[in-house]
Amino acid sequence: MINGNPVPYALARIPSAGETRGNLAAGGRGEGRPLSDRDRWICEQVGPTLREQGLLFVGLDVIGDYLTEVNVTSPTCIRELDHQFDLDIGMELMESIEQTLGHR
């Protein structure tokens, strides 16, 4: 999420053979996917609060249909999404920071 707005893709973490953890550090692979309707709904629910709190860059962990974690200190996987979907999430974040700081 950038300034309360979702990036249109999520990174599903797929465990390697014989492993139950999907963590990239545990050998899982990241598979980019468009946000589902439920993902977008979750983003709509939390986005305004994130914006009110001044949280410009946040990662949401969703398992199944449920929000399980809000990562505010170290959101990850933007490089994987950038590569898979030809995005530049870091630049989107920098532009949002510039707009936000310019309005103070």
PDB file of N, CA and C in Angstrom:
ATOM      1  N   MET A   1       0.862  -1.161   0.000  1.00  0.00           N
ATOM      2  CA  MET A   1       0.000   0.000   0.000  1.00  0.00           C
ATOM      3  C   MET A   1       0.912   1.227   0.000  1.00  0.00           C
ATOM      4  N   ILE A   2       0.562   2.176  -0.843  1.00  0.00           N
ATOM      5  CA  ILE A   2       1.281   3.439  -0.897  1.00  0.00           C
ATOM      6  C   ILE A   2       0.280   4.541  -0.574  1.00  0.00           C
ATOM      7  N   ASN A   3       0.513   5.213   0.539  1.00  0.00           N
ATOM      8  CA  ASN A   3      -0.367   6.277   1.018  1.00  0.00           C
ATOM      9  C   ASN A   3      -1.836   5.830   1.037  1.00  0.00           C
ATOM     10  N   GLY A   4      -2.071   4.627   1.533  1.00  0.00           N
ATOM     11  CA  GLY A   4      -3.426   4.101   1.678  1.00  0.00           C
ATOM     12  C   GLY A   4      -4.023   3.504   0.419  1.00  0.00           C
ATOM     13  N   ASN A   5      -3.273   3.491  -0.675  1.00  0.00           N
ATOM     14  CA  ASN A   5      -3.770   2.941  -1.935  1.00  0.00           C
ATOM     15  C   ASN A   5      -3.023   1.660  -2.280  1.00  0.00           C
ATOM     16  N   PRO A   6      -3.746   0.647  -2.749  1.00  0.00           N
ATOM     17  CA  PRO A   6      -3.077  -0.618  -3.033  1.00  0.00           C
ATOM     18  C   PRO A   6      -2.268  -0.592  -4.320  1.00  0.00           C
ATOM     19  N   VAL A   7      -1.155  -1.290  -4.303  1.00  0.00           N
ATOM     20  CA  VAL A   7      -0.469  -1.678  -5.531  1.00  0.00           C
ATOM     21  C   VAL A   7      -1.378  -2.758  -6.121  1.00  0.00           C
ATOM     22  N   PRO A   8      -1.595  -2.789  -7.431  1.00  0.00           N
ATOM     23  CA  PRO A   8      -2.616  -3.700  -7.977  1.00  0.00           C
ATOM     24  C   PRO A   8      -2.252  -5.180  -7.988  1.00  0.00           C
ATOM     25  N   TYR A   9      -1.104  -5.545  -7.428  1.00  0.00           N
ATOM     26  CA  TYR A   9      -0.680  -6.944  -7.422  1.00  0.00           C
ATOM     27  C   TYR A   9      -0.200  -7.346  -6.040  1.00  0.00           C
ATOM     28  N   ALA A  10      -0.277  -8.641  -5.772  1.00  0.00           N
ATOM     29  CA  ALA A  10       0.243  -9.220  -4.535  1.00  0.00           C
ATOM     30  C   ALA A  10       1.249 -10.297  -4.912  1.00  0.00           C
ATOM     31  N   LEU A  11       2.092 -10.652  -3.977  1.00  0.00           N
ATOM     32  CA  LEU A  11       3.064 -11.706  -4.214  1.00  0.00           C
ATOM     33  C   LEU A  11       2.703 -12.909  -3.354  1.00  0.00           C
ATOM     34  N   ALA A  12       2.209 -13.955  -4.001  1.00  0.00           N
ATOM     35  CA  ALA A  12       1.938 -15.210  -3.300  1.00  0.00           C
ATOM     36  C   ALA A  12       3.271 -15.921  -3.100  1.00  0.00           C
ATOM     37  N   ARG A  13       3.449 -16.473  -1.947  1.00  0.00           N
ATOM     38  CA  ARG A  13       4.696 -17.196  -1.660  1.00  0.00           C
ATOM     39  C   ARG A  13       4.402 -18.682  -1.698  1.00  0.00           C
ATOM     40  N   ILE A  14       5.063 -19.364  -2.610  1.00  0.00           N
ATOM     41  CA  ILE A  14       4.809 -20.775  -2.858  1.00  0.00           C
ATOM     42  C   ILE A  14       5.959 -21.600  -2.264  1.00  0.00           C
ATOM     43  N   PRO A  15       5.663 -22.531  -1.340  1.00  0.00           N
ATOM     44  CA  PRO A  15       6.731 -23.349  -0.743  1.00  0.00           C
ATOM     45  C   PRO A  15       7.414 -24.231  -1.789  1.00  0.00           C
ATOM     46  N   SER A  16       8.686 -24.504  -1.572  1.00  0.00           N
ATOM     47  CA  SER A  16       9.403 -25.448  -2.428  1.00  0.00           C
ATOM     48  C   SER A  16       8.972 -26.872  -2.055  1.00  0.00           C
ATOM     49  N   ALA A  17       9.292 -27.820  -2.905  1.00  0.00           N
ATOM     50  CA  ALA A  17       8.912 -29.217  -2.668  1.00  0.00           C
ATOM     51  C   ALA A  17       9.444 -29.697  -1.320  1.00  0.00           C
ATOM     52  N   GLY A  18       8.575 -30.329  -0.554  1.00  0.00           N
ATOM     53  CA  GLY A  18       8.970 -30.876   0.742  1.00  0.00           C
ATOM     54  C   GLY A  18       9.029 -29.863   1.865  1.00  0.00           C
ATOM     55  N   GLU A  19       8.633 -28.639   1.605  1.00  0.00           N
ATOM     56  CA  GLU A  19       8.695 -27.564   2.605  1.00  0.00           C
ATOM     57  C   GLU A  19       7.284 -27.048   2.850  1.00  0.00           C
ATOM     58  N   THR A  20       6.991 -26.696   4.095  1.00  0.00           N
ATOM     59  CA  THR A  20       5.679 -26.132   4.407  1.00  0.00           C
ATOM     60  C   THR A  20       5.694 -24.617   4.439  1.00  0.00           C
ATOM     61  N   ARG A  21       6.881 -24.022   4.624  1.00  0.00           N
ATOM     62  CA  ARG A  21       6.987 -22.566   4.679  1.00  0.00           C
ATOM     63  C   ARG A  21       7.152 -21.999   3.270  1.00  0.00           C
ATOM     64  N   GLY A  22       6.426 -20.924   2.998  1.00  0.00           N
ATOM     65  CA  GLY A  22       6.539 -20.272   1.709  1.00  0.00           C
ATOM     66  C   GLY A  22       7.505 -19.099   1.714  1.00  0.00           C
ATOM     67  N   ASN A  23       8.159 -18.864   2.835  1.00  0.00           N
ATOM     68  CA  ASN A  23       9.089 -17.736   2.945  1.00  0.00           C
ATOM     69  C   ASN A  23      10.125 -17.803   1.829  1.00  0.00           C
ATOM     70  N   LEU A  24      10.420 -16.666   1.232  1.00  0.00           N
ATOM     71  CA  LEU A  24      11.441 -16.626   0.193  1.00  0.00           C
ATOM     72  C   LEU A  24      12.791 -17.045   0.763  1.00  0.00           C
ATOM     73  N   ALA A  25      13.075 -16.675   2.005  1.00  0.00           N
ATOM     74  CA  ALA A  25      14.341 -17.034   2.642  1.00  0.00           C
ATOM     75  C   ALA A  25      14.429 -18.535   2.916  1.00  0.00           C
ATOM     76  N   ALA A  26      13.283 -19.223   2.941  1.00  0.00           N
ATOM     77  CA  ALA A  26      13.262 -20.669   3.187  1.00  0.00           C
ATOM     78  C   ALA A  26      13.182 -21.449   1.877  1.00  0.00           C
ATOM     79  N   GLY A  27      13.409 -20.760   0.760  1.00  0.00           N
ATOM     80  CA  GLY A  27      13.413 -21.440  -0.529  1.00  0.00           C
ATOM     81  C   GLY A  27      12.112 -21.360  -1.292  1.00  0.00           C
ATOM     82  N   GLY A  28      11.133 -20.645  -0.746  1.00  0.00           N
ATOM     83  CA  GLY A  28       9.876 -20.478  -1.468  1.00  0.00           C
ATOM     84  C   GLY A  28      10.072 -19.559  -2.668  1.00  0.00           C
ATOM     85  N   ARG A  29       9.131 -19.589  -3.581  1.00  0.00           N
ATOM     86  CA  ARG A  29       9.203 -18.684  -4.733  1.00  0.00           C
ATOM     87  C   ARG A  29       8.023 -17.726  -4.685  1.00  0.00           C
ATOM     88  N   GLY A  30       8.247 -16.526  -5.198  1.00  0.00           N
ATOM     89  CA  GLY A  30       7.206 -15.520  -5.218  1.00  0.00           C
ATOM     90  C   GLY A  30       6.503 -15.509  -6.564  1.00  0.00           C
ATOM     91  N   GLU A  31       5.200 -15.615  -6.524  1.00  0.00           N
ATOM     92  CA  GLU A  31       4.392 -15.605  -7.740  1.00  0.00           C
ATOM     93  C   GLU A  31       3.417 -14.430  -7.679  1.00  0.00           C
ATOM     94  N   GLY A  32       3.619 -13.469  -8.557  1.00  0.00           N
ATOM     95  CA  GLY A  32       2.764 -12.294  -8.571  1.00  0.00           C
ATOM     96  C   GLY A  32       1.379 -12.617  -9.084  1.00  0.00           C
ATOM     97  N   ARG A  33       0.399 -11.977  -8.470  1.00  0.00           N
ATOM     98  CA  ARG A  33      -0.999 -12.181  -8.860  1.00  0.00           C
ATOM     99  C   ARG A  33      -1.758 -10.869  -8.735  1.00  0.00           C
ATOM    100  N   PRO A  34      -2.709 -10.639  -9.624  1.00  0.00           N
ATOM    101  CA  PRO A  34      -3.566  -9.448  -9.451  1.00  0.00           C
ATOM    102  C   PRO A  34      -4.338  -9.561  -8.135  1.00  0.00           C
ATOM    103  N   LEU A  35      -4.621  -8.430  -7.531  1.00  0.00           N
ATOM    104  CA  LEU A  35      -5.425  -8.446  -6.312  1.00  0.00           C
ATOM    105  C   LEU A  35      -6.806  -9.011  -6.611  1.00  0.00           C
ATOM    106  N   SER A  36      -7.304  -9.796  -5.676  1.00  0.00           N
ATOM    107  CA  SER A  36      -8.671 -10.314  -5.790  1.00  0.00           C
ATOM    108  C   SER A  36      -9.648  -9.243  -5.316  1.00  0.00           C
ATOM    109  N   ASP A  37     -10.926  -9.478  -5.547  1.00  0.00           N
ATOM    110  CA  ASP A  37     -11.936  -8.556  -5.038  1.00  0.00           C
ATOM    111  C   ASP A  37     -11.846  -8.449  -3.520  1.00  0.00           C
ATOM    112  N   ARG A  38     -11.600  -9.556  -2.845  1.00  0.00           N
ATOM    113  CA  ARG A  38     -11.478  -9.548  -1.384  1.00  0.00           C
ATOM    114  C   ARG A  38     -10.242  -8.759  -0.953  1.00  0.00           C
ATOM    115  N   ASP A  39      -9.118  -8.933  -1.673  1.00  0.00           N
ATOM    116  CA  ASP A  39      -7.910  -8.156  -1.365  1.00  0.00           C
ATOM    117  C   ASP A  39      -8.212  -6.665  -1.464  1.00  0.00           C
ATOM    118  N   ARG A  40      -8.892  -6.271  -2.526  1.00  0.00           N
ATOM    119  CA  ARG A  40      -9.226  -4.849  -2.711  1.00  0.00           C
ATOM    120  C   ARG A  40     -10.136  -4.358  -1.592  1.00  0.00           C
ATOM    121  N   TRP A  41     -11.078  -5.181  -1.169  1.00  0.00           N
ATOM    122  CA  TRP A  41     -11.973  -4.811  -0.078  1.00  0.00           C
ATOM    123  C   TRP A  41     -11.173  -4.583   1.205  1.00  0.00           C
ATOM    124  N   ILE A  42     -10.242  -5.492   1.487  1.00  0.00           N
ATOM    125  CA  ILE A  42      -9.394  -5.339   2.680  1.00  0.00           C
ATOM    126  C   ILE A  42      -8.629  -4.019   2.590  1.00  0.00           C
ATOM    127  N   CYS A  43      -8.055  -3.723   1.436  1.00  0.00           N
ATOM    128  CA  CYS A  43      -7.313  -2.474   1.254  1.00  0.00           C
ATOM    129  C   CYS A  43      -8.212  -1.261   1.485  1.00  0.00           C
ATOM    130  N   GLU A  44      -9.441  -1.336   1.015  1.00  0.00           N
ATOM    131  CA  GLU A  44     -10.390  -0.228   1.213  1.00  0.00           C
ATOM    132  C   GLU A  44     -10.698  -0.020   2.694  1.00  0.00           C
ATOM    133  N   GLN A  45     -10.705  -1.104   3.463  1.00  0.00           N
ATOM    134  CA  GLN A  45     -11.015  -1.004   4.889  1.00  0.00           C
ATOM    135  C   GLN A  45      -9.878  -0.369   5.669  1.00  0.00           C
ATOM    136  N   VAL A  46      -8.647  -0.721   5.363  1.00  0.00           N
ATOM    137  CA  VAL A  46      -7.517  -0.240   6.162  1.00  0.00           C
ATOM    138  C   VAL A  46      -6.843   1.002   5.574  1.00  0.00           C
ATOM    139  N   GLY A  47      -7.016   1.247   4.283  1.00  0.00           N
ATOM    140  CA  GLY A  47      -6.339   2.365   3.619  1.00  0.00           C
ATOM    141  C   GLY A  47      -6.528   3.714   4.284  1.00  0.00           C
ATOM    142  N   PRO A  48      -7.774   4.106   4.593  1.00  0.00           N
ATOM    143  CA  PRO A  48      -7.972   5.422   5.216  1.00  0.00           C
ATOM    144  C   PRO A  48      -7.245   5.567   6.561  1.00  0.00           C
ATOM    145  N   THR A  49      -7.236   4.531   7.370  1.00  0.00           N
ATOM    146  CA  THR A  49      -6.548   4.592   8.664  1.00  0.00           C
ATOM    147  C   THR A  49      -5.042   4.693   8.466  1.00  0.00           C
ATOM    148  N   LEU A  50      -4.509   3.942   7.512  1.00  0.00           N
ATOM    149  CA  LEU A  50      -3.079   4.029   7.233  1.00  0.00           C
ATOM    150  C   LEU A  50      -2.701   5.454   6.837  1.00  0.00           C
ATOM    151  N   ARG A  51      -3.517   6.042   5.971  1.00  0.00           N
ATOM    152  CA  ARG A  51      -3.268   7.416   5.513  1.00  0.00           C
ATOM    153  C   ARG A  51      -3.352   8.384   6.686  1.00  0.00           C
ATOM    154  N   GLU A  52      -4.380   8.240   7.531  1.00  0.00           N
ATOM    155  CA  GLU A  52      -4.546   9.116   8.710  1.00  0.00           C
ATOM    156  C   GLU A  52      -3.349   9.023   9.648  1.00  0.00           C
ATOM    157  N   GLN A  53      -2.775   7.839   9.754  1.00  0.00           N
ATOM    158  CA  GLN A  53      -1.636   7.613  10.642  1.00  0.00           C
ATOM    159  C   GLN A  53      -0.316   8.042  10.006  1.00  0.00           C
ATOM    160  N   GLY A  54      -0.355   8.482   8.751  1.00  0.00           N
ATOM    161  CA  GLY A  54       0.860   8.927   8.073  1.00  0.00           C
ATOM    162  C   GLY A  54       1.758   7.787   7.619  1.00  0.00           C
ATOM    163  N   LEU A  55       1.186   6.604   7.464  1.00  0.00           N
ATOM    164  CA  LEU A  55       1.952   5.430   7.029  1.00  0.00           C
ATOM    165  C   LEU A  55       1.922   5.362   5.508  1.00  0.00           C
ATOM    166  N   LEU A  56       3.010   5.808   4.893  1.00  0.00           N
ATOM    167  CA  LEU A  56       3.048   5.922   3.429  1.00  0.00           C
ATOM    168  C   LEU A  56       3.356   4.620   2.713  1.00  0.00           C
ATOM    169  N   PHE A  57       4.054   3.698   3.352  1.00  0.00           N
ATOM    170  CA  PHE A  57       4.448   2.459   2.694  1.00  0.00           C
ATOM    171  C   PHE A  57       4.213   1.299   3.646  1.00  0.00           C
ATOM    172  N   VAL A  58       3.245   0.469   3.332  1.00  0.00           N
ATOM    173  CA  VAL A  58       2.810  -0.597   4.222  1.00  0.00           C
ATOM    174  C   VAL A  58       2.576  -1.868   3.410  1.00  0.00           C
ATOM    175  N   GLY A  59       2.995  -2.985   3.949  1.00  0.00           N
ATOM    176  CA  GLY A  59       2.695  -4.275   3.351  1.00  0.00           C
ATOM    177  C   GLY A  59       1.615  -4.976   4.149  1.00  0.00           C
ATOM    178  N   LEU A  60       0.654  -5.532   3.458  1.00  0.00           N
ATOM    179  CA  LEU A  60      -0.408  -6.284   4.120  1.00  0.00           C
ATOM    180  C   LEU A  60      -0.210  -7.769   3.839  1.00  0.00           C
ATOM    181  N   ASP A  61      -0.254  -8.568   4.877  1.00  0.00           N
ATOM    182  CA  ASP A  61      -0.209 -10.014   4.715  1.00  0.00           C
ATOM    183  C   ASP A  61      -1.639 -10.529   4.788  1.00  0.00           C
ATOM    184  N   VAL A  62      -2.021 -11.280   3.779  1.00  0.00           N
ATOM    185  CA  VAL A  62      -3.358 -11.856   3.713  1.00  0.00           C
ATOM    186  C   VAL A  62      -3.202 -13.356   3.517  1.00  0.00           C
ATOM    187  N   ILE A  63      -3.865 -14.107   4.363  1.00  0.00           N
ATOM    188  CA  ILE A  63      -3.904 -15.559   4.200  1.00  0.00           C
ATOM    189  C   ILE A  63      -5.352 -15.930   3.968  1.00  0.00           C
ATOM    190  N   GLY A  64      -5.582 -16.561   2.831  1.00  0.00           N
ATOM    191  CA  GLY A  64      -6.957 -16.872   2.453  1.00  0.00           C
ATOM    192  C   GLY A  64      -7.693 -15.561   2.223  1.00  0.00           C
ATOM    193  N   ASP A  65      -8.747 -15.352   2.962  1.00  0.00           N
ATOM    194  CA  ASP A  65      -9.534 -14.128   2.832  1.00  0.00           C
ATOM    195  C   ASP A  65      -9.335 -13.172   3.998  1.00  0.00           C
ATOM    196  N   TYR A  66      -8.288 -13.384   4.803  1.00  0.00           N
ATOM    197  CA  TYR A  66      -8.155 -12.616   6.033  1.00  0.00           C
ATOM    198  C   TYR A  66      -6.826 -11.878   6.143  1.00  0.00           C
ATOM    199  N   LEU A  67      -6.907 -10.640   6.593  1.00  0.00           N
ATOM    200  CA  LEU A  67      -5.723  -9.847   6.895  1.00  0.00           C
ATOM    201  C   LEU A  67      -5.094 -10.422   8.158  1.00  0.00           C
ATOM    202  N   THR A  68      -3.809 -10.779   8.066  1.00  0.00           N
ATOM    203  CA  THR A  68      -3.142 -11.381   9.220  1.00  0.00           C
ATOM    204  C   THR A  68      -2.066 -10.495   9.818  1.00  0.00           C
ATOM    205  N   GLU A  69      -1.545  -9.551   9.014  1.00  0.00           N
ATOM    206  CA  GLU A  69      -0.461  -8.716   9.527  1.00  0.00           C
ATOM    207  C   GLU A  69      -0.368  -7.437   8.713  1.00  0.00           C
ATOM    208  N   VAL A  70      -0.001  -6.359   9.397  1.00  0.00           N
ATOM    209  CA  VAL A  70       0.264  -5.075   8.743  1.00  0.00           C
ATOM    210  C   VAL A  70       1.736  -4.765   8.989  1.00  0.00           C
ATOM    211  N   ASN A  71       2.523  -4.764   7.929  1.00  0.00           N
ATOM    212  CA  ASN A  71       3.969  -4.530   8.029  1.00  0.00           C
ATOM    213  C   ASN A  71       4.260  -3.059   7.774  1.00  0.00           C
ATOM    214  N   VAL A  72       4.668  -2.357   8.818  1.00  0.00           N
ATOM    215  CA  VAL A  72       4.936  -0.927   8.683  1.00  0.00           C
ATOM    216  C   VAL A  72       6.417  -0.584   8.734  1.00  0.00           C
ATOM    217  N   THR A  73       7.251  -1.527   9.169  1.00  0.00           N
ATOM    218  CA  THR A  73       8.673  -1.211   9.267  1.00  0.00           C
ATOM    219  C   THR A  73       9.500  -1.805   8.138  1.00  0.00           C
ATOM    220  N   SER A  74       9.050  -2.904   7.553  1.00  0.00           N
ATOM    221  CA  SER A  74       9.854  -3.521   6.496  1.00  0.00           C
ATOM    222  C   SER A  74       9.001  -4.271   5.472  1.00  0.00           C
ATOM    223  N   PRO A  75       8.136  -3.547   4.764  1.00  0.00           N
ATOM    224  CA  PRO A  75       7.383  -4.218   3.701  1.00  0.00           C
ATOM    225  C   PRO A  75       8.363  -4.755   2.652  1.00  0.00           C
ATOM    226  N   THR A  76       8.040  -5.895   2.098  1.00  0.00           N
ATOM    227  CA  THR A  76       8.966  -6.532   1.161  1.00  0.00           C
ATOM    228  C   THR A  76       8.277  -6.888  -0.155  1.00  0.00           C
ATOM    229  N   CYS A  77       9.063  -7.432  -1.054  1.00  0.00           N
ATOM    230  CA  CYS A  77       8.614  -8.050  -2.307  1.00  0.00           C
ATOM    231  C   CYS A  77       8.292  -7.065  -3.420  1.00  0.00           C
ATOM    232  N   ILE A  78       8.657  -5.791  -3.277  1.00  0.00           N
ATOM    233  CA  ILE A  78       8.384  -4.881  -4.384  1.00  0.00           C
ATOM    234  C   ILE A  78       9.279  -5.178  -5.580  1.00  0.00           C
ATOM    235  N   ARG A  79      10.480  -5.646  -5.339  1.00  0.00           N
ATOM    236  CA  ARG A  79      11.365  -5.972  -6.474  1.00  0.00           C
ATOM    237  C   ARG A  79      10.792  -7.106  -7.311  1.00  0.00           C
ATOM    238  N   GLU A  80      10.250  -8.101  -6.636  1.00  0.00           N
ATOM    239  CA  GLU A  80       9.648  -9.224  -7.361  1.00  0.00           C
ATOM    240  C   GLU A  80       8.451  -8.762  -8.188  1.00  0.00           C
ATOM    241  N   LEU A  81       7.601  -7.934  -7.597  1.00  0.00           N
ATOM    242  CA  LEU A  81       6.440  -7.423  -8.343  1.00  0.00           C
ATOM    243  C   LEU A  81       6.881  -6.509  -9.478  1.00  0.00           C
ATOM    244  N   ASP A  82       7.877  -5.642  -9.229  1.00  0.00           N
ATOM    245  CA  ASP A  82       8.412  -4.787 -10.288  1.00  0.00           C
ATOM    246  C   ASP A  82       8.861  -5.632 -11.475  1.00  0.00           C
ATOM    247  N   HIS A  83       9.610  -6.674 -11.191  1.00  0.00           N
ATOM    248  CA  HIS A  83      10.165  -7.525 -12.246  1.00  0.00           C
ATOM    249  C   HIS A  83       9.061  -8.276 -13.008  1.00  0.00           C
ATOM    250  N   GLN A  84       8.103  -8.837 -12.285  1.00  0.00           N
ATOM    251  CA  GLN A  84       7.079  -9.661 -12.921  1.00  0.00           C
ATOM    252  C   GLN A  84       6.047  -8.855 -13.708  1.00  0.00           C
ATOM    253  N   PHE A  85       5.817  -7.599 -13.299  1.00  0.00           N
ATOM    254  CA  PHE A  85       4.751  -6.820 -13.924  1.00  0.00           C
ATOM    255  C   PHE A  85       5.236  -5.515 -14.546  1.00  0.00           C
ATOM    256  N   ASP A  86       6.549  -5.365 -14.662  1.00  0.00           N
ATOM    257  CA  ASP A  86       7.141  -4.156 -15.253  1.00  0.00           C
ATOM    258  C   ASP A  86       6.642  -2.892 -14.544  1.00  0.00           C
ATOM    259  N   LEU A  87       6.746  -2.909 -13.218  1.00  0.00           N
ATOM    260  CA  LEU A  87       6.333  -1.778 -12.383  1.00  0.00           C
ATOM    261  C   LEU A  87       7.561  -1.044 -11.876  1.00  0.00           C
ATOM    262  N   ASP A  88       7.331   0.081 -11.213  1.00  0.00           N
ATOM    263  CA  ASP A  88       8.379   0.789 -10.480  1.00  0.00           C
ATOM    264  C   ASP A  88       7.751   1.298  -9.184  1.00  0.00           C
ATOM    265  N   ILE A  89       7.504   0.373  -8.277  1.00  0.00           N
ATOM    266  CA  ILE A  89       6.820   0.683  -7.020  1.00  0.00           C
ATOM    267  C   ILE A  89       7.633   1.666  -6.192  1.00  0.00           C
ATOM    268  N   GLY A  90       8.954   1.523  -6.199  1.00  0.00           N
ATOM    269  CA  GLY A  90       9.804   2.454  -5.465  1.00  0.00           C
ATOM    270  C   GLY A  90       9.620   3.882  -5.941  1.00  0.00           C
ATOM    271  N   MET A  91       9.509   4.073  -7.251  1.00  0.00           N
ATOM    272  CA  MET A  91       9.298   5.418  -7.787  1.00  0.00           C
ATOM    273  C   MET A  91       7.916   5.932  -7.413  1.00  0.00           C
ATOM    274  N   GLU A  92       6.919   5.062  -7.434  1.00  0.00           N
ATOM    275  CA  GLU A  92       5.579   5.472  -6.992  1.00  0.00           C
ATOM    276  C   GLU A  92       5.622   5.950  -5.546  1.00  0.00           C
ATOM    277  N   LEU A  93       6.381   5.236  -4.716  1.00  0.00           N
ATOM    278  CA  LEU A  93       6.521   5.631  -3.316  1.00  0.00           C
ATOM    279  C   LEU A  93       7.211   6.983  -3.207  1.00  0.00           C
ATOM    280  N   MET A  94       8.287   7.183  -3.941  1.00  0.00           N
ATOM    281  CA  MET A  94       9.014   8.459  -3.884  1.00  0.00           C
ATOM    282  C   MET A  94       8.118   9.616  -4.333  1.00  0.00           C
ATOM    283  N   GLU A  95       7.324   9.395  -5.368  1.00  0.00           N
ATOM    284  CA  GLU A  95       6.407  10.442  -5.832  1.00  0.00           C
ATOM    285  C   GLU A  95       5.354  10.745  -4.772  1.00  0.00           C
ATOM    286  N   SER A  96       4.865   9.715  -4.088  1.00  0.00           N
ATOM    287  CA  SER A  96       3.884   9.926  -3.026  1.00  0.00           C
ATOM    288  C   SER A  96       4.497  10.696  -1.864  1.00  0.00           C
ATOM    289  N   ILE A  97       5.734  10.360  -1.518  1.00  0.00           N
ATOM    290  CA  ILE A  97       6.427  11.081  -0.441  1.00  0.00           C
ATOM    291  C   ILE A  97       6.595  12.539  -0.837  1.00  0.00           C
ATOM    292  N   GLU A  98       7.016  12.785  -2.058  1.00  0.00           N
ATOM    293  CA  GLU A  98       7.194  14.152  -2.533  1.00  0.00           C
ATOM    294  C   GLU A  98       5.886  14.934  -2.487  1.00  0.00           C
ATOM    295  N   GLN A  99       4.789  14.325  -2.928  1.00  0.00           N
ATOM    296  CA  GLN A  99       3.483  14.994  -2.890  1.00  0.00           C
ATOM    297  C   GLN A  99       3.057  15.261  -1.458  1.00  0.00           C
ATOM    298  N   THR A 100       3.253  14.282  -0.585  1.00  0.00           N
ATOM    299  CA  THR A 100       2.832  14.424   0.810  1.00  0.00           C
ATOM    300  C   THR A 100       3.638  15.496   1.519  1.00  0.00           C
ATOM    301  N   LEU A 101       4.956  15.481   1.357  1.00  0.00           N
ATOM    302  CA  LEU A 101       5.804  16.471   2.018  1.00  0.00           C
ATOM    303  C   LEU A 101       5.580  17.850   1.427  1.00  0.00           C
ATOM    304  N   GLY A 102       5.256  17.917   0.152  1.00  0.00           N
ATOM    305  CA  GLY A 102       4.998  19.194  -0.490  1.00  0.00           C
ATOM    306  C   GLY A 102       3.724  19.867  -0.002  1.00  0.00           C
ATOM    307  N   HIS A 103       2.812  19.084   0.595  1.00  0.00           N
ATOM    308  CA  HIS A 103       1.545  19.625   1.077  1.00  0.00           C
ATOM    309  C   HIS A 103       1.580  19.990   2.556  1.00  0.00           C
ATOM    310  N   ARG A 104       2.734  19.852   3.182  1.00  0.00           N
ATOM    311  CA  ARG A 104       2.802  20.170   4.627  1.00  0.00           C
ATOM    312  C   ARG A 104       3.128  21.612   4.843  1.00  0.00           C
TER     313      ARG A 104
END
